[in-house]
Amino acid sequence: MDYFKTQKPEFLFLHLDLVDNAGHKYGWGSHEYLEAVEKTDRMVGQVRALVESMGLKGSTTILLTADHGGKGKGHGGLTMVETEIPWIIIGNGVRQDHEITDQIMQYDTTATMAHVLHLQPSLAGEDGSSLPLSRNDQANGLLTVIPVIAGMRLTG
């Protein structure tokens, strides 16, 4: 939080891994897992409160997601409980009180963050490699945006 206050980054990636760790150690859906979900929810609430207190709510986008679900103490299968992820986004230009009913894939995260960051996506590699993104079509300015758990774009 101190870094955010003092540096005011234009983009911030937060990896909140309490839930993932609890899932692997105690099992998805266990008491400890649910406690980790509650603690992470409080942490996200603190970030939102900080953004608001700094007057940045109108220029900030927060995306909360995960890289996988889980079953027992593992993942990697193709069941919905292992592949389904939370995908929650708030910010300027994001439709409020709307539930996306279609299936969300990690590809959607990349495309969404590209849009938020005003990046122009180019075609993904045939081998399924990360989607290269270039800012303002600069030939030498390729960036790779990876799926994020919480990302913010700040202006000013």
N, C-alpha and C. Protein backbone atom coordinates (compact mmCIF):
# COMPACT_ATOMS: atom_id res chain seq x y z
N MET A 1 0.83 -1.18 0.00
CA MET A 1 0.00 0.00 0.00
C MET A 1 0.88 1.26 0.00
N ASP A 2 1.98 1.22 0.75
CA ASP A 2 2.87 2.37 0.77
C ASP A 2 3.45 2.65 -0.62
N TYR A 3 3.83 1.59 -1.33
CA TYR A 3 4.37 1.75 -2.68
C TYR A 3 3.33 2.44 -3.57
N PHE A 4 2.11 2.00 -3.48
CA PHE A 4 1.04 2.56 -4.30
C PHE A 4 0.86 4.05 -3.99
N LYS A 5 0.89 4.40 -2.70
CA LYS A 5 0.70 5.79 -2.30
C LYS A 5 1.84 6.68 -2.79
N THR A 6 3.06 6.21 -2.63
CA THR A 6 4.21 7.06 -2.95
C THR A 6 4.58 7.08 -4.42
N GLN A 7 4.47 5.95 -5.09
CA GLN A 7 4.92 5.86 -6.48
C GLN A 7 3.82 6.13 -7.49
N LYS A 8 2.57 5.90 -7.10
CA LYS A 8 1.41 6.08 -7.98
C LYS A 8 1.67 5.49 -9.37
N PRO A 9 1.88 4.18 -9.43
CA PRO A 9 2.20 3.56 -10.73
C PRO A 9 1.03 3.64 -11.70
N GLU A 10 1.36 3.67 -12.98
CA GLU A 10 0.31 3.67 -14.00
C GLU A 10 -0.31 2.28 -14.14
N PHE A 11 0.49 1.25 -13.88
CA PHE A 11 0.00 -0.13 -13.92
C PHE A 11 0.57 -0.86 -12.71
N LEU A 12 -0.28 -1.58 -12.01
CA LEU A 12 0.16 -2.33 -10.83
C LEU A 12 -0.41 -3.73 -10.91
N PHE A 13 0.44 -4.72 -10.75
CA PHE A 13 0.04 -6.12 -10.72
C PHE A 13 0.18 -6.61 -9.28
N LEU A 14 -0.88 -7.11 -8.71
CA LEU A 14 -0.84 -7.69 -7.37
C LEU A 14 -1.13 -9.17 -7.48
N HIS A 15 -0.25 -9.98 -6.93
CA HIS A 15 -0.47 -11.42 -6.91
C HIS A 15 -0.85 -11.79 -5.48
N LEU A 16 -2.12 -12.02 -5.27
CA LEU A 16 -2.63 -12.39 -3.95
C LEU A 16 -2.81 -13.90 -3.95
N ASP A 17 -1.85 -14.61 -3.40
CA ASP A 17 -1.83 -16.07 -3.54
C ASP A 17 -2.31 -16.84 -2.33
N LEU A 18 -2.97 -16.19 -1.38
CA LEU A 18 -3.47 -16.88 -0.19
C LEU A 18 -4.45 -18.00 -0.54
N VAL A 19 -5.36 -17.71 -1.46
CA VAL A 19 -6.39 -18.69 -1.82
C VAL A 19 -5.76 -19.90 -2.50
N ASP A 20 -4.87 -19.66 -3.46
CA ASP A 20 -4.20 -20.75 -4.15
C ASP A 20 -3.41 -21.62 -3.18
N ASN A 21 -2.66 -20.98 -2.30
CA ASN A 21 -1.87 -21.74 -1.31
C ASN A 21 -2.77 -22.58 -0.41
N ALA A 22 -3.87 -22.00 0.06
CA ALA A 22 -4.78 -22.74 0.93
C ALA A 22 -5.42 -23.91 0.19
N GLY A 23 -5.74 -23.71 -1.09
CA GLY A 23 -6.32 -24.79 -1.89
C GLY A 23 -5.37 -25.97 -2.03
N HIS A 24 -4.11 -25.66 -2.30
CA HIS A 24 -3.12 -26.74 -2.46
C HIS A 24 -2.77 -27.41 -1.12
N LYS A 25 -2.76 -26.63 -0.06
CA LYS A 25 -2.36 -27.19 1.24
C LYS A 25 -3.50 -27.90 1.97
N TYR A 26 -4.70 -27.30 1.94
CA TYR A 26 -5.82 -27.82 2.73
C TYR A 26 -6.97 -28.37 1.89
N GLY A 27 -6.99 -28.03 0.61
CA GLY A 27 -8.07 -28.48 -0.27
C GLY A 27 -9.03 -27.35 -0.60
N TRP A 28 -9.46 -27.34 -1.88
CA TRP A 28 -10.42 -26.34 -2.33
C TRP A 28 -11.74 -26.55 -1.61
N GLY A 29 -12.27 -25.46 -1.07
CA GLY A 29 -13.54 -25.53 -0.35
C GLY A 29 -13.40 -25.86 1.13
N SER A 30 -12.18 -26.12 1.60
CA SER A 30 -11.96 -26.42 3.02
C SER A 30 -12.18 -25.16 3.86
N HIS A 31 -12.27 -25.34 5.16
CA HIS A 31 -12.43 -24.21 6.08
C HIS A 31 -11.29 -23.21 5.90
N GLU A 32 -10.07 -23.69 5.81
CA GLU A 32 -8.90 -22.83 5.64
C GLU A 32 -8.94 -22.09 4.30
N TYR A 33 -9.42 -22.78 3.28
CA TYR A 33 -9.57 -22.17 1.95
C TYR A 33 -10.56 -21.01 2.02
N LEU A 34 -11.70 -21.24 2.65
CA LEU A 34 -12.72 -20.19 2.76
C LEU A 34 -12.22 -19.01 3.59
N GLU A 35 -11.42 -19.29 4.63
CA GLU A 35 -10.80 -18.20 5.40
C GLU A 35 -9.86 -17.38 4.52
N ALA A 36 -9.11 -18.05 3.65
CA ALA A 36 -8.20 -17.35 2.74
C ALA A 36 -8.99 -16.49 1.75
N VAL A 37 -10.13 -16.98 1.29
CA VAL A 37 -10.99 -16.20 0.40
C VAL A 37 -11.45 -14.93 1.12
N GLU A 38 -11.88 -15.07 2.37
CA GLU A 38 -12.35 -13.91 3.13
C GLU A 38 -11.22 -12.91 3.36
N LYS A 39 -10.03 -13.38 3.68
CA LYS A 39 -8.89 -12.49 3.91
C LYS A 39 -8.51 -11.77 2.61
N THR A 40 -8.51 -12.49 1.51
CA THR A 40 -8.20 -11.87 0.22
C THR A 40 -9.25 -10.84 -0.14
N ASP A 41 -10.51 -11.13 0.14
CA ASP A 41 -11.58 -10.18 -0.12
C ASP A 41 -11.35 -8.89 0.67
N ARG A 42 -10.93 -9.02 1.92
CA ARG A 42 -10.63 -7.83 2.74
C ARG A 42 -9.45 -7.05 2.14
N MET A 43 -8.44 -7.75 1.64
CA MET A 43 -7.29 -7.09 1.04
C MET A 43 -7.70 -6.32 -0.21
N VAL A 44 -8.53 -6.92 -1.04
CA VAL A 44 -9.02 -6.22 -2.24
C VAL A 44 -9.83 -5.00 -1.82
N GLY A 45 -10.61 -5.13 -0.76
CA GLY A 45 -11.37 -4.00 -0.23
C GLY A 45 -10.46 -2.87 0.22
N GLN A 46 -9.33 -3.20 0.81
CA GLN A 46 -8.36 -2.18 1.23
C GLN A 46 -7.78 -1.46 0.01
N VAL A 47 -7.51 -2.21 -1.04
CA VAL A 47 -6.99 -1.59 -2.27
C VAL A 47 -8.05 -0.65 -2.85
N ARG A 48 -9.28 -1.10 -2.92
CA ARG A 48 -10.35 -0.25 -3.44
C ARG A 48 -10.52 1.01 -2.60
N ALA A 49 -10.46 0.88 -1.27
CA ALA A 49 -10.59 2.04 -0.39
C ALA A 49 -9.43 3.02 -0.60
N LEU A 50 -8.23 2.49 -0.79
CA LEU A 50 -7.07 3.35 -1.03
C LEU A 50 -7.23 4.11 -2.34
N VAL A 51 -7.63 3.41 -3.39
CA VAL A 51 -7.84 4.05 -4.69
C VAL A 51 -8.85 5.18 -4.55
N GLU A 52 -9.94 4.91 -3.84
CA GLU A 52 -10.97 5.92 -3.65
C GLU A 52 -10.45 7.09 -2.83
N SER A 53 -9.71 6.81 -1.75
CA SER A 53 -9.21 7.88 -0.89
C SER A 53 -8.20 8.77 -1.60
N MET A 54 -7.54 8.24 -2.61
CA MET A 54 -6.56 9.02 -3.38
C MET A 54 -7.22 9.75 -4.55
N GLY A 55 -8.54 9.63 -4.69
CA GLY A 55 -9.25 10.30 -5.76
C GLY A 55 -9.01 9.69 -7.13
N LEU A 56 -8.69 8.40 -7.17
CA LEU A 56 -8.34 7.74 -8.43
C LEU A 56 -9.41 6.77 -8.94
N LYS A 57 -10.54 6.76 -8.28
CA LYS A 57 -11.59 5.80 -8.66
C LYS A 57 -11.99 5.94 -10.13
N GLY A 58 -12.11 7.14 -10.64
CA GLY A 58 -12.55 7.36 -12.00
C GLY A 58 -11.53 7.00 -13.07
N SER A 59 -10.26 6.83 -12.67
CA SER A 59 -9.22 6.51 -13.65
C SER A 59 -8.54 5.18 -13.37
N THR A 60 -9.19 4.35 -12.56
CA THR A 60 -8.60 3.06 -12.17
C THR A 60 -9.50 1.91 -12.58
N THR A 61 -8.88 0.87 -13.10
CA THR A 61 -9.59 -0.37 -13.40
C THR A 61 -8.98 -1.47 -12.54
N ILE A 62 -9.81 -2.23 -11.88
CA ILE A 62 -9.36 -3.37 -11.07
C ILE A 62 -9.97 -4.62 -11.68
N LEU A 63 -9.10 -5.58 -11.97
CA LEU A 63 -9.53 -6.88 -12.49
C LEU A 63 -9.08 -7.95 -11.51
N LEU A 64 -10.03 -8.71 -11.00
CA LEU A 64 -9.75 -9.78 -10.06
C LEU A 64 -10.04 -11.10 -10.76
N THR A 65 -9.04 -11.97 -10.81
CA THR A 65 -9.22 -13.26 -11.46
C THR A 65 -8.27 -14.27 -10.84
N ALA A 66 -8.24 -15.45 -11.39
CA ALA A 66 -7.34 -16.51 -10.93
C ALA A 66 -6.88 -17.30 -12.15
N ASP A 67 -5.85 -18.10 -11.97
CA ASP A 67 -5.34 -18.87 -13.11
C ASP A 67 -5.99 -20.24 -13.22
N HIS A 68 -6.68 -20.71 -12.19
CA HIS A 68 -7.34 -22.02 -12.24
C HIS A 68 -8.25 -22.19 -11.04
N GLY A 69 -9.12 -23.18 -11.11
CA GLY A 69 -9.91 -23.59 -9.97
C GLY A 69 -9.19 -24.74 -9.28
N GLY A 70 -9.93 -25.61 -8.63
CA GLY A 70 -9.27 -26.72 -7.97
C GLY A 70 -10.23 -27.80 -7.54
N LYS A 71 -9.64 -28.96 -7.26
CA LYS A 71 -10.41 -30.13 -6.83
C LYS A 71 -9.52 -30.88 -5.86
N GLY A 72 -10.04 -31.15 -4.66
CA GLY A 72 -9.18 -31.76 -3.65
C GLY A 72 -8.07 -30.78 -3.32
N LYS A 73 -6.83 -31.21 -3.49
CA LYS A 73 -5.68 -30.33 -3.27
C LYS A 73 -4.93 -30.05 -4.57
N GLY A 74 -5.56 -30.33 -5.69
CA GLY A 74 -4.88 -30.15 -6.96
C GLY A 74 -5.76 -29.53 -8.02
N HIS A 75 -5.25 -29.56 -9.23
CA HIS A 75 -5.96 -29.06 -10.41
C HIS A 75 -5.23 -29.60 -11.63
N GLY A 76 -5.69 -29.27 -12.79
CA GLY A 76 -5.04 -29.73 -14.00
C GLY A 76 -5.95 -30.56 -14.88
N GLY A 77 -7.08 -30.99 -14.32
CA GLY A 77 -8.04 -31.73 -15.12
C GLY A 77 -8.92 -30.80 -15.91
N LEU A 78 -9.88 -31.36 -16.58
CA LEU A 78 -10.75 -30.56 -17.44
C LEU A 78 -12.15 -30.36 -16.86
N THR A 79 -12.33 -30.67 -15.58
CA THR A 79 -13.64 -30.46 -14.97
C THR A 79 -13.87 -28.96 -14.75
N MET A 80 -15.12 -28.56 -14.70
CA MET A 80 -15.44 -27.14 -14.48
C MET A 80 -14.86 -26.63 -13.16
N VAL A 81 -14.90 -27.46 -12.14
CA VAL A 81 -14.39 -27.02 -10.83
C VAL A 81 -12.89 -26.73 -10.89
N GLU A 82 -12.18 -27.33 -11.85
CA GLU A 82 -10.75 -27.10 -12.00
C GLU A 82 -10.42 -25.99 -12.99
N THR A 83 -11.32 -25.71 -13.91
CA THR A 83 -11.03 -24.72 -14.95
C THR A 83 -11.78 -23.41 -14.77
N GLU A 84 -12.89 -23.42 -14.07
CA GLU A 84 -13.67 -22.20 -13.88
C GLU A 84 -12.93 -21.25 -12.94
N ILE A 85 -12.94 -19.98 -13.29
CA ILE A 85 -12.24 -18.97 -12.49
C ILE A 85 -13.17 -17.80 -12.20
N PRO A 86 -12.90 -17.07 -11.12
CA PRO A 86 -13.62 -15.81 -10.93
C PRO A 86 -13.08 -14.80 -11.94
N TRP A 87 -13.90 -13.89 -12.37
CA TRP A 87 -13.47 -12.84 -13.30
C TRP A 87 -14.35 -11.63 -13.02
N ILE A 88 -13.81 -10.71 -12.23
CA ILE A 88 -14.57 -9.55 -11.78
C ILE A 88 -13.79 -8.31 -12.18
N ILE A 89 -14.46 -7.38 -12.82
CA ILE A 89 -13.79 -6.14 -13.25
C ILE A 89 -14.66 -4.95 -12.88
N ILE A 90 -14.00 -3.92 -12.36
CA ILE A 90 -14.68 -2.66 -12.05
C ILE A 90 -13.80 -1.52 -12.56
N GLY A 91 -14.43 -0.43 -12.89
CA GLY A 91 -13.67 0.73 -13.33
C GLY A 91 -14.45 1.58 -14.31
N ASN A 92 -13.82 2.68 -14.68
CA ASN A 92 -14.40 3.61 -15.62
C ASN A 92 -14.65 2.90 -16.96
N GLY A 93 -15.84 3.01 -17.48
CA GLY A 93 -16.17 2.39 -18.76
C GLY A 93 -16.61 0.94 -18.66
N VAL A 94 -16.63 0.37 -17.46
CA VAL A 94 -17.06 -1.01 -17.27
C VAL A 94 -18.54 -0.99 -16.87
N ARG A 95 -19.35 -1.79 -17.55
CA ARG A 95 -20.77 -1.85 -17.24
C ARG A 95 -20.96 -2.33 -15.81
N GLN A 96 -21.73 -1.60 -15.03
CA GLN A 96 -21.97 -1.96 -13.63
C GLN A 96 -23.16 -2.90 -13.50
N ASP A 97 -23.14 -3.69 -12.43
CA ASP A 97 -24.25 -4.60 -12.12
C ASP A 97 -24.60 -5.50 -13.30
N HIS A 98 -23.58 -6.01 -13.97
CA HIS A 98 -23.78 -6.88 -15.13
C HIS A 98 -23.06 -8.20 -14.89
N GLU A 99 -23.74 -9.29 -15.14
CA GLU A 99 -23.13 -10.60 -15.03
C GLU A 99 -22.88 -11.16 -16.41
N ILE A 100 -21.64 -11.56 -16.66
CA ILE A 100 -21.30 -12.20 -17.93
C ILE A 100 -21.71 -13.66 -17.80
N THR A 101 -22.58 -14.12 -18.68
CA THR A 101 -23.08 -15.49 -18.57
C THR A 101 -22.32 -16.46 -19.47
N ASP A 102 -21.54 -15.94 -20.41
CA ASP A 102 -20.72 -16.80 -21.26
C ASP A 102 -19.50 -17.27 -20.50
N GLN A 103 -18.89 -18.35 -20.98
CA GLN A 103 -17.67 -18.85 -20.36
C GLN A 103 -16.54 -17.87 -20.60
N ILE A 104 -15.72 -17.64 -19.58
CA ILE A 104 -14.57 -16.73 -19.69
C ILE A 104 -13.30 -17.56 -19.72
N MET A 105 -12.42 -17.21 -20.63
CA MET A 105 -11.13 -17.88 -20.76
C MET A 105 -10.03 -16.88 -20.42
N GLN A 106 -8.83 -17.37 -20.14
CA GLN A 106 -7.71 -16.46 -19.87
C GLN A 106 -7.46 -15.52 -21.04
N TYR A 107 -7.76 -15.96 -22.26
CA TYR A 107 -7.61 -15.09 -23.43
C TYR A 107 -8.43 -13.81 -23.27
N ASP A 108 -9.60 -13.92 -22.63
CA ASP A 108 -10.44 -12.75 -22.41
C ASP A 108 -9.75 -11.74 -21.50
N THR A 109 -8.99 -12.24 -20.54
CA THR A 109 -8.26 -11.36 -19.63
C THR A 109 -7.25 -10.54 -20.41
N THR A 110 -6.49 -11.20 -21.26
CA THR A 110 -5.47 -10.52 -22.04
C THR A 110 -6.09 -9.46 -22.94
N ALA A 111 -7.13 -9.81 -23.65
CA ALA A 111 -7.78 -8.86 -24.56
C ALA A 111 -8.38 -7.69 -23.79
N THR A 112 -8.97 -7.98 -22.64
CA THR A 112 -9.57 -6.91 -21.84
C THR A 112 -8.51 -5.95 -21.32
N MET A 113 -7.42 -6.49 -20.79
CA MET A 113 -6.36 -5.62 -20.28
C MET A 113 -5.72 -4.82 -21.42
N ALA A 114 -5.62 -5.40 -22.60
CA ALA A 114 -5.10 -4.65 -23.75
C ALA A 114 -6.00 -3.45 -24.02
N HIS A 115 -7.30 -3.66 -23.97
CA HIS A 115 -8.25 -2.57 -24.19
C HIS A 115 -8.10 -1.50 -23.10
N VAL A 116 -8.04 -1.92 -21.84
CA VAL A 116 -7.92 -0.99 -20.72
C VAL A 116 -6.65 -0.15 -20.85
N LEU A 117 -5.56 -0.79 -21.28
CA LEU A 117 -4.26 -0.12 -21.38
C LEU A 117 -4.06 0.57 -22.74
N HIS A 118 -5.11 0.57 -23.57
CA HIS A 118 -5.05 1.21 -24.89
C HIS A 118 -3.95 0.61 -25.76
N LEU A 119 -3.83 -0.72 -25.72
CA LEU A 119 -2.87 -1.43 -26.55
C LEU A 119 -3.62 -2.07 -27.71
N GLN A 120 -2.97 -2.14 -28.85
CA GLN A 120 -3.58 -2.74 -30.03
C GLN A 120 -3.08 -4.18 -30.15
N PRO A 121 -3.95 -5.17 -29.96
CA PRO A 121 -3.48 -6.56 -30.08
C PRO A 121 -3.20 -6.93 -31.53
N SER A 122 -2.21 -7.77 -31.71
CA SER A 122 -1.96 -8.35 -33.03
C SER A 122 -2.30 -9.83 -32.92
N LEU A 123 -2.16 -10.56 -34.00
CA LEU A 123 -2.54 -11.96 -34.00
C LEU A 123 -1.65 -12.78 -33.07
N ALA A 124 -2.24 -13.76 -32.39
CA ALA A 124 -1.48 -14.67 -31.54
C ALA A 124 -0.73 -15.66 -32.42
N GLY A 125 0.39 -16.17 -31.92
CA GLY A 125 1.17 -17.15 -32.66
C GLY A 125 0.40 -18.44 -32.85
N GLU A 126 0.67 -19.13 -33.94
CA GLU A 126 -0.01 -20.39 -34.22
C GLU A 126 0.29 -21.45 -33.17
N ASP A 127 1.40 -21.30 -32.46
CA ASP A 127 1.77 -22.27 -31.43
C ASP A 127 1.07 -21.99 -30.10
N GLY A 128 0.17 -21.00 -30.08
CA GLY A 128 -0.55 -20.67 -28.85
C GLY A 128 0.25 -19.80 -27.92
N SER A 129 1.35 -19.21 -28.39
CA SER A 129 2.18 -18.37 -27.55
C SER A 129 1.42 -17.13 -27.11
N SER A 130 1.97 -16.41 -26.14
CA SER A 130 1.34 -15.21 -25.62
C SER A 130 1.01 -14.24 -26.73
N LEU A 131 -0.07 -13.52 -26.54
CA LEU A 131 -0.52 -12.53 -27.50
C LEU A 131 0.40 -11.33 -27.47
N PRO A 132 1.14 -11.05 -28.57
CA PRO A 132 1.99 -9.86 -28.57
C PRO A 132 1.14 -8.62 -28.75
N LEU A 133 1.46 -7.58 -28.02
CA LEU A 133 0.70 -6.35 -28.09
C LEU A 133 1.66 -5.21 -28.37
N SER A 134 1.27 -4.29 -29.22
CA SER A 134 2.13 -3.15 -29.50
C SER A 134 1.38 -1.86 -29.21
N ARG A 135 2.03 -0.94 -28.54
CA ARG A 135 1.45 0.36 -28.22
C ARG A 135 1.57 1.25 -29.46
N ASN A 136 0.47 1.77 -29.93
CA ASN A 136 0.42 2.68 -31.07
C ASN A 136 1.12 2.11 -32.31
N ASP A 137 1.06 0.80 -32.50
CA ASP A 137 1.63 0.14 -33.67
C ASP A 137 3.12 0.41 -33.86
N GLN A 138 3.85 0.65 -32.79
CA GLN A 138 5.29 0.84 -32.91
C GLN A 138 5.93 -0.51 -33.18
N ALA A 139 6.68 -0.59 -34.27
CA ALA A 139 7.27 -1.86 -34.69
C ALA A 139 8.18 -2.47 -33.64
N ASN A 140 8.89 -1.66 -32.89
CA ASN A 140 9.84 -2.19 -31.91
C ASN A 140 9.29 -2.20 -30.49
N GLY A 141 8.03 -1.87 -30.29
CA GLY A 141 7.50 -1.74 -28.94
C GLY A 141 6.59 -2.87 -28.54
N LEU A 142 7.01 -4.12 -28.74
CA LEU A 142 6.15 -5.24 -28.39
C LEU A 142 6.14 -5.46 -26.88
N LEU A 143 4.97 -5.63 -26.35
CA LEU A 143 4.78 -5.93 -24.94
C LEU A 143 3.99 -7.22 -24.84
N THR A 144 4.14 -7.95 -23.77
CA THR A 144 3.29 -9.10 -23.52
C THR A 144 2.53 -8.87 -22.24
N VAL A 145 1.22 -8.87 -22.33
CA VAL A 145 0.37 -8.72 -21.16
C VAL A 145 -0.06 -10.11 -20.73
N ILE A 146 0.25 -10.48 -19.51
CA ILE A 146 -0.13 -11.80 -19.02
C ILE A 146 -1.41 -11.69 -18.21
N PRO A 147 -2.14 -12.78 -18.07
CA PRO A 147 -3.33 -12.73 -17.21
C PRO A 147 -2.96 -12.25 -15.82
N VAL A 148 -3.80 -11.38 -15.27
CA VAL A 148 -3.48 -10.78 -13.98
C VAL A 148 -4.54 -11.09 -12.96
N ILE A 149 -4.15 -11.02 -11.70
CA ILE A 149 -5.12 -11.19 -10.63
C ILE A 149 -5.73 -9.84 -10.29
N ALA A 150 -4.94 -8.82 -10.24
CA ALA A 150 -5.49 -7.48 -10.03
C ALA A 150 -4.61 -6.53 -10.81
N GLY A 151 -5.19 -5.78 -11.72
CA GLY A 151 -4.42 -4.82 -12.49
C GLY A 151 -5.07 -3.46 -12.42
N MET A 152 -4.24 -2.43 -12.38
CA MET A 152 -4.77 -1.08 -12.29
C MET A 152 -4.12 -0.19 -13.33
N ARG A 153 -4.90 0.68 -13.93
CA ARG A 153 -4.36 1.68 -14.81
C ARG A 153 -4.67 3.03 -14.18
N LEU A 154 -3.64 3.77 -13.87
CA LEU A 154 -3.82 5.06 -13.21
C LEU A 154 -3.33 6.17 -14.12
N THR A 155 -4.05 7.26 -14.14
CA THR A 155 -3.60 8.41 -14.91
C THR A 155 -3.44 9.58 -13.96
N GLY A 156 -2.62 10.53 -14.34
CA GLY A 156 -2.45 11.74 -13.55
C GLY A 156 -1.43 11.63 -12.46
